[in-house]
Amino acid sequence: MKLPYHMNSQTAEASSTTETDVYDPNISNRHYSAAYYTSAYRAGKLTPTQVITGLLDQISAKKDHSIAFLQIIPEKVLAAAEASTARYKSSKPLGPLDGVPVAVKDELDLDGYDKSLGSPIDFTSKTGGTSWCVKKWEDAGAIIVGKLNMHELGLGMSRLLFPHPLNSADKTTDTTNNNPTKGTPPNPHNPSYYTGGSSGGSAYAVASGLIPIALGADGGGSIRIPSAYCGLYGLKPSHGRISISPTTSLAASCGVVGPMASNMDDLEFAYSILATPDPSNPVSSLFSSSTSIPRIERSRKILGIYKPWLSHPACGAALDHYTSLGYEVIPISLPYLHEAQLAHALTILTEISTGVPSSSLASLTPSNKILLCVGAQTPATDFLLAQKMRNMLMQHLSWLWKEYPGMLIVSPTTPNEGWRVEKGDLDKG
């Protein structure tokens, strides 16, 4: 019998990076899907207890794995695995997620666990409890392995303001998941590069093959950036679609949570459970169940492109591929992008600064001290102007989708292929 984890370096080096959906004891693979686990459980070839025992051993044995997790409570994880094993033994699994190992970013609440948002500050809920969306995964039988690492507070300083001394041409934002306080997980595909952030622990755990699905959070790219850098599928859903109650978000009007996975099937199914409407949440309760939304038949398959974002030859090749599948390319305009970036930065920094006690600023990294001090100085008039800018852009997008129903707006996720770890980064941030 073979556990779906690499127990030695020879096995790890020989593993492929293709997806595996059906249990096969002869396959060594980096990425195992949720369907792989459940098929193995139903066939009696593996049990959730065996999988979780092997996974916990693997995490504790390798430093990079352990850095990706901020906290694991083995007895809680094993108890959940044993309960799942008993359900399979009696042929009563809860569904396609029962016994599947998953983990959650440290922005969410998980009963019995601490919460720090990747910082030295204690944000643990005084009343306890688990975030609604995480509870939905638990109710479906998923085994929450633990809390995952993240960029401190989910914030990164822009090198437009502070260029790297060794690379003056480096002018992209640096939500890399560099975290000198909690540790920095490397990119599993190339340890000389970052995972991207701020959901870097989530990206590492999935891209390294430890788990098939993780929960991330995104207020300005924090699911999308690490998914792009680590070759994963990530979803930033509509604002309010997934309830995190009773958890309070530091960036309430910007932040959302969403799944990250190594394949689209897992992403879609994980999302459908996370997006279960929460009757106690005034926004989430307005949405229909994600499984009850009818598919829209479209007479035209349209891709909206903003040409300045698609000048790279690889983008042209991608568009050629989609047009060969019957998609129609429509150029669109996206006005006031620079102003929109400023409005977003002003909004999210102001919101987060109100949730971090000024007495705790001294414990943060230098860049976040600066960012939060700037956010705390935002005049009310500027904050309101930023919201007017957001509203105008949303109206423009609404017009575009009314003009072209069902249009998909296509763009690169990041302006670069990856972010290299430079000398001194890991120690100083």
Protein backbone atom coordinates (compact mmCIF):
# COMPACT_ATOMS: atom_id res chain seq x y z
CA MET A 1 0.00 0.00 0.00
CA LYS A 2 1.31 3.41 -0.95
CA LEU A 3 0.49 6.70 0.70
CA PRO A 4 0.14 9.72 -1.61
CA TYR A 5 3.19 11.46 -0.16
CA HIS A 6 6.84 11.35 -1.13
CA MET A 7 8.59 9.60 1.72
CA ASN A 8 12.11 10.03 0.34
CA SER A 9 14.03 12.26 -2.03
CA GLN A 10 14.22 9.63 -4.79
CA THR A 11 10.45 9.35 -4.89
CA ALA A 12 10.02 13.13 -4.87
CA GLU A 13 12.47 13.65 -7.72
CA ALA A 14 10.81 10.96 -9.82
CA SER A 15 7.28 12.29 -9.35
CA SER A 16 5.46 13.88 -12.25
CA THR A 17 3.36 17.04 -12.09
CA THR A 18 0.23 15.72 -13.80
CA GLU A 19 -3.08 15.39 -12.02
CA THR A 20 -4.26 12.07 -10.62
CA ASP A 21 -7.98 11.48 -10.10
CA VAL A 22 -8.21 7.71 -9.66
CA TYR A 23 -6.26 5.73 -7.11
CA ASP A 24 -3.40 3.78 -8.68
CA PRO A 25 -0.79 2.28 -6.32
CA ASN A 26 1.82 2.35 -9.11
CA ILE A 27 1.73 6.09 -9.70
CA SER A 28 4.06 8.51 -7.96
CA ASN A 29 2.66 11.99 -8.35
CA ARG A 30 3.08 15.48 -6.93
CA HIS A 31 -0.53 16.58 -7.28
CA TYR A 32 -3.31 14.34 -6.03
CA SER A 33 -6.87 15.57 -6.59
CA ALA A 34 -9.75 15.31 -4.15
CA ALA A 35 -11.20 12.59 -6.40
CA TYR A 36 -7.98 10.59 -6.02
CA TYR A 37 -8.36 10.49 -2.26
CA THR A 38 -12.06 9.67 -2.20
CA SER A 39 -11.70 6.93 -4.83
CA ALA A 40 -8.90 5.37 -2.74
CA TYR A 41 -11.05 5.55 0.38
CA ARG A 42 -14.07 3.99 -1.30
CA ALA A 43 -11.91 1.23 -2.73
CA GLY A 44 -10.49 0.48 0.71
CA LYS A 45 -6.92 1.08 -0.50
CA LEU A 46 -6.30 3.98 1.85
CA THR A 47 -8.00 5.54 4.85
CA PRO A 48 -8.13 9.19 5.83
CA THR A 49 -6.26 8.27 9.03
CA GLN A 50 -3.38 6.78 7.04
CA VAL A 51 -3.23 9.80 4.74
CA ILE A 52 -3.26 12.34 7.57
CA THR A 53 -0.68 10.41 9.60
CA GLY A 54 1.64 10.35 6.60
CA LEU A 55 0.99 14.01 5.86
CA LEU A 56 1.73 15.17 9.41
CA ASP A 57 4.97 13.16 9.38
CA GLN A 58 5.93 14.71 6.06
CA ILE A 59 5.25 18.27 7.24
CA SER A 60 7.25 17.85 10.44
CA ALA A 61 10.16 16.20 8.64
CA LYS A 62 10.84 19.00 6.14
CA LYS A 63 11.57 22.59 7.13
CA ASP A 64 10.01 24.16 4.03
CA HIS A 65 6.77 22.26 4.67
CA SER A 66 6.64 23.28 8.31
CA ILE A 67 7.28 26.95 7.46
CA ALA A 68 4.16 26.95 5.28
CA PHE A 69 2.03 26.08 8.32
CA LEU A 70 1.80 28.52 11.20
CA GLN A 71 -0.07 26.10 13.45
CA ILE A 72 -1.19 22.48 13.41
CA ILE A 73 -3.00 20.78 16.29
CA PRO A 74 -2.29 17.08 15.56
CA GLU A 75 -4.88 15.66 17.94
CA LYS A 76 -7.67 17.71 16.31
CA VAL A 77 -6.55 16.77 12.81
CA LEU A 78 -6.24 13.07 13.63
CA ALA A 79 -9.65 13.07 15.35
CA ALA A 80 -11.24 14.47 12.17
CA ALA A 81 -9.40 11.84 10.10
CA GLU A 82 -10.57 9.01 12.34
CA ALA A 83 -14.18 10.23 12.13
CA SER A 84 -13.91 10.27 8.33
CA THR A 85 -12.35 6.80 8.32
CA ALA A 86 -15.29 5.50 10.36
CA ARG A 87 -17.76 7.01 7.87
CA TYR A 88 -16.07 5.29 4.93
CA LYS A 89 -15.91 2.03 6.87
CA SER A 90 -19.69 2.16 7.32
CA SER A 91 -20.16 3.29 3.67
CA LYS A 92 -21.59 6.64 4.76
CA PRO A 93 -19.17 9.32 3.52
CA LEU A 94 -20.50 12.88 3.57
CA GLY A 95 -19.60 13.58 -0.05
CA PRO A 96 -16.75 14.24 -2.49
CA LEU A 97 -14.74 16.25 0.07
CA ASP A 98 -14.95 13.75 2.94
CA GLY A 99 -11.45 12.85 4.16
CA VAL A 100 -9.69 15.25 1.78
CA PRO A 101 -6.86 17.20 3.47
CA VAL A 102 -7.18 20.99 3.14
CA ALA A 103 -5.84 23.99 5.05
CA VAL A 104 -6.76 27.64 5.59
CA LYS A 105 -4.92 30.95 5.51
CA ASP A 106 -4.30 32.61 8.87
CA GLU A 107 -6.85 35.34 8.12
CA LEU A 108 -9.69 32.95 8.98
CA ASP A 109 -10.87 31.75 12.38
CA LEU A 110 -10.56 28.08 13.28
CA ASP A 111 -11.82 27.01 16.67
CA GLY A 112 -8.94 26.20 19.03
CA TYR A 113 -6.33 27.86 16.81
CA ASP A 114 -4.51 31.17 17.18
CA LYS A 115 -4.74 33.92 14.57
CA SER A 116 -1.97 36.40 13.88
CA LEU A 117 -2.39 37.32 10.18
CA GLY A 118 1.26 36.39 9.77
CA SER A 119 2.33 39.07 12.25
CA PRO A 120 3.54 39.24 15.86
CA ILE A 121 0.10 40.63 16.85
CA ASP A 122 -2.52 38.37 18.42
CA PHE A 123 -5.78 38.63 16.44
CA THR A 124 -7.32 35.49 17.94
CA SER A 125 -11.06 35.83 18.45
CA LYS A 126 -11.96 36.22 22.12
CA THR A 127 -15.23 34.35 21.59
CA GLY A 128 -13.77 31.43 19.65
CA GLY A 129 -15.61 29.79 16.79
CA THR A 130 -14.85 28.97 13.16
CA SER A 131 -15.44 31.12 10.08
CA TRP A 132 -18.65 30.15 8.27
CA CYS A 133 -16.92 29.10 5.05
CA VAL A 134 -14.37 26.95 6.88
CA LYS A 135 -17.20 25.34 8.86
CA LYS A 136 -18.88 24.44 5.55
CA TRP A 137 -15.73 22.55 4.53
CA GLU A 138 -15.72 20.79 7.89
CA ASP A 139 -19.41 19.92 7.54
CA ALA A 140 -18.58 18.35 4.15
CA GLY A 141 -15.99 16.11 5.83
CA ALA A 142 -12.84 17.94 4.74
CA ILE A 143 -9.94 17.56 7.16
CA ILE A 144 -8.51 20.96 8.10
CA VAL A 145 -4.80 20.25 8.55
CA GLY A 146 -3.97 23.67 10.03
CA LYS A 147 -3.42 27.40 9.59
CA LEU A 148 -1.20 28.59 6.73
CA ASN A 149 1.53 31.21 6.54
CA MET A 150 0.97 34.59 4.88
CA HIS A 151 2.66 37.90 4.14
CA GLU A 152 2.49 40.01 7.31
CA LEU A 153 -1.05 41.50 7.48
CA GLY A 154 -1.34 40.73 3.75
CA LEU A 155 0.52 43.96 2.93
CA GLY A 156 3.61 44.55 0.80
CA MET A 157 5.52 47.73 0.02
CA SER A 158 5.80 48.88 -3.59
CA ARG A 159 9.28 49.05 -5.03
CA LEU A 160 8.11 51.99 -7.07
CA LEU A 161 8.68 53.81 -3.78
CA PHE A 162 11.64 51.74 -2.57
CA PRO A 163 13.59 50.22 -5.51
CA HIS A 164 15.71 47.20 -4.75
CA PRO A 165 19.34 48.36 -4.32
CA LEU A 166 20.63 45.49 -6.48
CA ASN A 167 18.09 45.93 -9.25
CA SER A 168 17.02 49.48 -10.00
CA ALA A 169 14.86 48.27 -12.89
CA ASP A 170 12.74 46.21 -10.50
CA LYS A 171 9.56 48.29 -10.22
CA THR A 172 6.74 45.86 -9.44
CA THR A 173 4.83 45.48 -6.21
CA ASP A 174 6.30 43.08 -3.68
CA THR A 175 3.55 41.12 -1.98
CA THR A 176 5.94 38.19 -2.20
CA ASN A 177 5.07 36.42 1.07
CA ASN A 178 8.46 37.41 2.42
CA ASN A 179 7.91 37.13 6.17
CA PRO A 180 11.01 37.57 8.37
CA THR A 181 8.89 37.07 11.51
CA LYS A 182 7.07 33.81 10.72
CA GLY A 183 9.30 32.43 7.99
CA THR A 184 9.12 32.52 4.20
CA PRO A 185 8.01 29.41 2.29
CA PRO A 186 9.94 29.02 -0.98
CA ASN A 187 8.34 28.52 -4.36
CA PRO A 188 8.09 24.71 -4.72
CA HIS A 189 9.00 24.94 -8.41
CA ASN A 190 12.15 26.97 -7.79
CA PRO A 191 13.30 27.79 -4.25
CA SER A 192 15.21 30.81 -5.54
CA TYR A 193 11.85 32.49 -6.11
CA TYR A 194 8.99 33.55 -3.85
CA THR A 195 5.57 31.97 -3.81
CA GLY A 196 3.93 35.37 -4.08
CA GLY A 197 1.52 36.64 -1.47
CA SER A 198 -0.19 37.26 0.59
CA SER A 199 -1.63 33.71 0.48
CA GLY A 200 1.86 32.26 0.06
CA GLY A 201 1.43 29.45 2.59
CA SER A 202 -1.72 28.34 0.77
CA ALA A 203 0.11 28.38 -2.56
CA TYR A 204 3.08 26.43 -1.17
CA ALA A 205 0.90 23.76 0.42
CA VAL A 206 -0.94 23.08 -2.84
CA ALA A 207 1.93 23.54 -5.30
CA SER A 208 4.20 21.23 -3.27
CA GLY A 209 1.54 18.52 -3.41
CA LEU A 210 0.84 18.40 0.32
CA ILE A 211 -2.86 19.13 -0.12
CA PRO A 212 -5.08 19.51 -3.19
CA ILE A 213 -7.04 22.56 -1.97
CA ALA A 214 -6.35 25.53 0.30
CA LEU A 215 -8.27 28.60 1.34
CA GLY A 216 -6.75 31.98 0.52
CA ALA A 217 -7.84 35.59 0.90
CA ASP A 218 -7.54 38.49 -1.53
CA GLY A 219 -7.88 42.25 -1.15
CA GLY A 220 -5.56 43.30 -3.97
CA GLY A 221 -4.12 40.17 -5.58
CA SER A 222 -3.41 37.90 -2.62
CA ILE A 223 -5.03 34.81 -4.19
CA ARG A 224 -4.21 35.68 -7.79
CA ILE A 225 -0.51 36.53 -7.38
CA PRO A 226 0.59 33.32 -5.58
CA SER A 227 -1.63 31.21 -7.86
CA ALA A 228 0.16 32.70 -10.87
CA TYR A 229 3.66 32.36 -9.41
CA CYS A 230 3.07 28.75 -8.31
CA GLY A 231 1.16 27.50 -11.36
CA LEU A 232 -2.18 27.00 -9.58
CA TYR A 233 -5.83 27.79 -10.12
CA GLY A 234 -7.13 30.52 -7.82
CA LEU A 235 -10.50 32.22 -7.55
CA LYS A 236 -11.22 35.70 -6.21
CA PRO A 237 -15.03 35.57 -5.96
CA SER A 238 -17.58 38.37 -5.92
CA HIS A 239 -17.41 40.57 -2.85
CA GLY A 240 -19.56 39.10 -0.07
CA ARG A 241 -20.24 35.87 -1.97
CA ILE A 242 -18.40 33.78 0.62
CA SER A 243 -19.25 34.49 4.25
CA ILE A 244 -16.48 34.58 6.85
CA SER A 245 -18.81 35.31 9.79
CA PRO A 246 -18.16 35.77 12.66
CA THR A 247 -14.64 36.70 11.52
CA THR A 248 -14.04 40.43 11.04
CA SER A 249 -12.01 41.42 7.99
CA LEU A 250 -9.37 44.14 8.39
CA ALA A 251 -10.23 45.32 4.86
CA ALA A 252 -13.99 44.88 4.84
CA SER A 253 -14.78 46.61 1.54
CA CYS A 254 -11.83 45.11 -0.40
CA GLY A 255 -11.15 41.67 1.00
CA VAL A 256 -12.69 38.33 0.02
CA VAL A 257 -11.74 34.70 0.57
CA GLY A 258 -11.56 32.01 -2.08
CA PRO A 259 -10.14 28.61 -2.97
CA MET A 260 -6.77 27.72 -4.49
CA ALA A 261 -6.29 24.31 -6.10
CA SER A 262 -4.08 22.31 -8.43
CA ASN A 263 -6.94 21.56 -10.85
CA MET A 264 -10.17 23.20 -11.99
CA ASP A 265 -12.52 20.45 -10.76
CA ASP A 266 -11.28 20.83 -7.19
CA LEU A 267 -11.42 24.62 -7.45
CA GLU A 268 -15.03 24.57 -8.63
CA PHE A 269 -16.23 22.05 -6.07
CA ALA A 270 -14.38 23.68 -3.17
CA TYR A 271 -15.91 27.03 -4.14
CA SER A 272 -19.43 25.59 -4.35
CA ILE A 273 -19.19 24.54 -0.70
CA LEU A 274 -17.51 27.74 0.50
CA ALA A 275 -20.19 29.82 -1.23
CA THR A 276 -23.08 28.24 0.66
CA PRO A 277 -25.25 31.28 1.57
CA ASP A 278 -25.01 32.26 5.23
CA PRO A 279 -28.49 33.20 6.52
CA SER A 280 -26.95 35.26 9.34
CA ASN A 281 -24.86 37.37 6.97
CA PRO A 282 -26.72 40.30 5.34
CA VAL A 283 -24.69 40.08 2.11
CA SER A 284 -24.05 36.36 1.71
CA SER A 285 -27.72 35.59 2.37
CA LEU A 286 -28.71 37.59 -0.72
CA PHE A 287 -26.92 35.17 -3.05
CA SER A 288 -28.41 31.99 -4.46
CA SER A 289 -26.76 28.67 -3.80
CA SER A 290 -23.83 28.27 -6.19
CA THR A 291 -25.19 24.86 -7.25
CA SER A 292 -28.61 26.27 -8.20
CA ILE A 293 -27.44 28.95 -10.66
CA PRO A 294 -28.43 27.92 -14.21
CA ARG A 295 -25.78 27.94 -16.91
CA ILE A 296 -26.28 30.74 -19.42
CA GLU A 297 -26.38 29.76 -23.07
CA ARG A 298 -24.43 32.35 -25.05
CA SER A 299 -24.78 32.99 -28.75
CA ARG A 300 -21.34 34.63 -28.78
CA LYS A 301 -18.19 33.71 -26.89
CA ILE A 302 -16.43 37.03 -26.29
CA LEU A 303 -13.03 37.87 -24.86
CA GLY A 304 -12.55 41.49 -23.83
CA ILE A 305 -8.94 42.65 -24.08
CA TYR A 306 -7.24 45.82 -22.92
CA LYS A 307 -4.39 46.01 -25.44
CA PRO A 308 -1.73 47.70 -23.27
CA TRP A 309 -1.82 44.64 -20.98
CA LEU A 310 -1.35 42.12 -23.76
CA SER A 311 1.77 43.20 -25.61
CA HIS A 312 3.84 40.13 -24.64
CA PRO A 313 4.10 37.49 -27.45
CA ALA A 314 2.84 34.81 -25.07
CA CYS A 315 -0.40 36.75 -24.69
CA GLY A 316 -0.87 36.82 -28.44
CA ALA A 317 -0.36 33.06 -28.62
CA ALA A 318 -2.97 32.54 -25.91
CA LEU A 319 -5.50 34.71 -27.73
CA ASP A 320 -4.83 32.84 -30.98
CA HIS A 321 -5.59 29.61 -29.17
CA TYR A 322 -8.92 30.89 -27.87
CA THR A 323 -9.98 32.36 -31.20
CA SER A 324 -9.33 28.92 -32.73
CA LEU A 325 -11.92 27.61 -30.24
CA GLY A 326 -14.53 30.07 -31.47
CA TYR A 327 -13.96 33.04 -29.16
CA GLU A 328 -14.35 36.55 -30.52
CA VAL A 329 -11.82 39.16 -29.38
CA ILE A 330 -13.23 42.61 -28.56
CA PRO A 331 -10.91 45.52 -27.62
CA ILE A 332 -12.18 47.35 -24.54
CA SER A 333 -11.16 50.49 -22.66
CA LEU A 334 -10.31 50.63 -18.95
CA PRO A 335 -10.03 54.32 -18.04
CA TYR A 336 -8.29 55.91 -15.06
CA LEU A 337 -6.18 52.88 -14.19
CA HIS A 338 -3.52 54.87 -12.36
CA GLU A 339 -6.15 56.74 -10.39
CA ALA A 340 -7.88 53.43 -9.66
CA GLN A 341 -4.64 52.00 -8.25
CA LEU A 342 -4.31 55.00 -5.95
CA ALA A 343 -7.96 54.68 -4.89
CA HIS A 344 -7.46 51.01 -4.08
CA ALA A 345 -4.26 51.61 -2.11
CA LEU A 346 -5.82 54.48 -0.20
CA THR A 347 -8.93 52.43 0.63
CA ILE A 348 -7.29 49.20 1.77
CA LEU A 349 -4.52 50.91 3.76
CA THR A 350 -7.03 53.12 5.54
CA GLU A 351 -9.27 50.18 6.38
CA ILE A 352 -6.44 47.98 7.68
CA SER A 353 -4.89 50.81 9.69
CA THR A 354 -8.13 51.15 11.68
CA GLY A 355 -7.90 47.50 12.75
CA VAL A 356 -4.31 47.47 13.97
CA PRO A 357 -3.72 49.02 17.41
CA SER A 358 -1.17 51.83 17.28
CA SER A 359 0.50 50.24 20.28
CA SER A 360 1.35 47.22 18.12
CA LEU A 361 2.98 49.06 15.21
CA ALA A 362 6.47 48.76 16.69
CA SER A 363 6.35 44.97 16.33
CA LEU A 364 5.73 45.05 12.57
CA THR A 365 8.18 45.02 9.68
CA PRO A 366 9.48 48.47 8.62
CA SER A 367 7.46 48.53 5.39
CA ASN A 368 4.19 47.84 7.19
CA LYS A 369 4.94 50.47 9.82
CA ILE A 370 5.18 52.98 6.99
CA LEU A 371 2.10 51.71 5.14
CA LEU A 372 -0.14 51.74 8.19
CA CYS A 373 1.07 55.15 9.33
CA VAL A 374 0.27 56.49 5.85
CA GLY A 375 -3.16 54.82 5.94
CA ALA A 376 -3.92 56.32 9.33
CA GLN A 377 -3.42 59.84 7.92
CA THR A 378 -6.05 59.56 5.17
CA PRO A 379 -8.41 62.58 5.16
CA ALA A 380 -12.10 61.70 5.06
CA THR A 381 -12.52 63.70 1.85
CA ASP A 382 -9.82 61.66 0.08
CA PHE A 383 -11.38 58.40 1.27
CA LEU A 384 -14.74 59.46 -0.14
CA LEU A 385 -13.17 60.51 -3.44
CA ALA A 386 -11.57 57.05 -3.68
CA GLN A 387 -15.01 55.45 -3.29
CA LYS A 388 -16.38 57.68 -6.04
CA MET A 389 -13.60 56.45 -8.30
CA ARG A 390 -14.46 52.82 -7.44
CA ASN A 391 -18.12 53.44 -8.19
CA MET A 392 -17.39 55.06 -11.53
CA LEU A 393 -15.20 52.14 -12.62
CA MET A 394 -17.84 49.62 -11.54
CA GLN A 395 -20.41 51.51 -13.60
CA HIS A 396 -18.08 51.35 -16.59
CA LEU A 397 -17.62 47.60 -16.19
CA SER A 398 -21.37 47.18 -15.77
CA TRP A 399 -21.87 48.97 -19.08
CA LEU A 400 -19.29 46.74 -20.77
CA TRP A 401 -21.06 43.57 -19.63
CA LYS A 402 -24.43 44.97 -20.65
CA GLU A 403 -22.98 45.72 -24.08
CA TYR A 404 -21.28 42.30 -24.33
CA PRO A 405 -23.21 39.78 -22.17
CA GLY A 406 -21.08 36.96 -20.82
CA MET A 407 -17.81 38.61 -21.88
CA LEU A 408 -14.62 37.35 -20.24
CA ILE A 409 -12.04 40.09 -19.65
CA VAL A 410 -8.61 38.57 -20.24
CA SER A 411 -5.37 39.86 -18.77
CA PRO A 412 -2.08 38.58 -17.36
CA THR A 413 -2.22 38.07 -13.59
CA THR A 414 1.16 39.65 -12.85
CA PRO A 415 3.62 41.81 -14.81
CA ASN A 416 6.40 39.25 -14.36
CA GLU A 417 6.89 35.48 -14.40
CA GLY A 418 8.12 35.33 -10.82
CA TRP A 419 9.94 37.16 -8.05
CA ARG A 420 13.52 36.18 -7.23
CA VAL A 421 14.69 36.07 -3.63
CA GLU A 422 17.55 38.55 -3.33
CA LYS A 423 20.45 38.48 -0.87
CA GLY A 424 19.36 39.61 2.59
CA ASP A 425 15.62 39.48 1.81
CA LEU A 426 14.74 36.60 4.10
CA ASP A 427 16.43 38.08 7.16
CA LYS A 428 15.39 41.72 6.78
CA GLY A 429 12.19 41.58 4.78
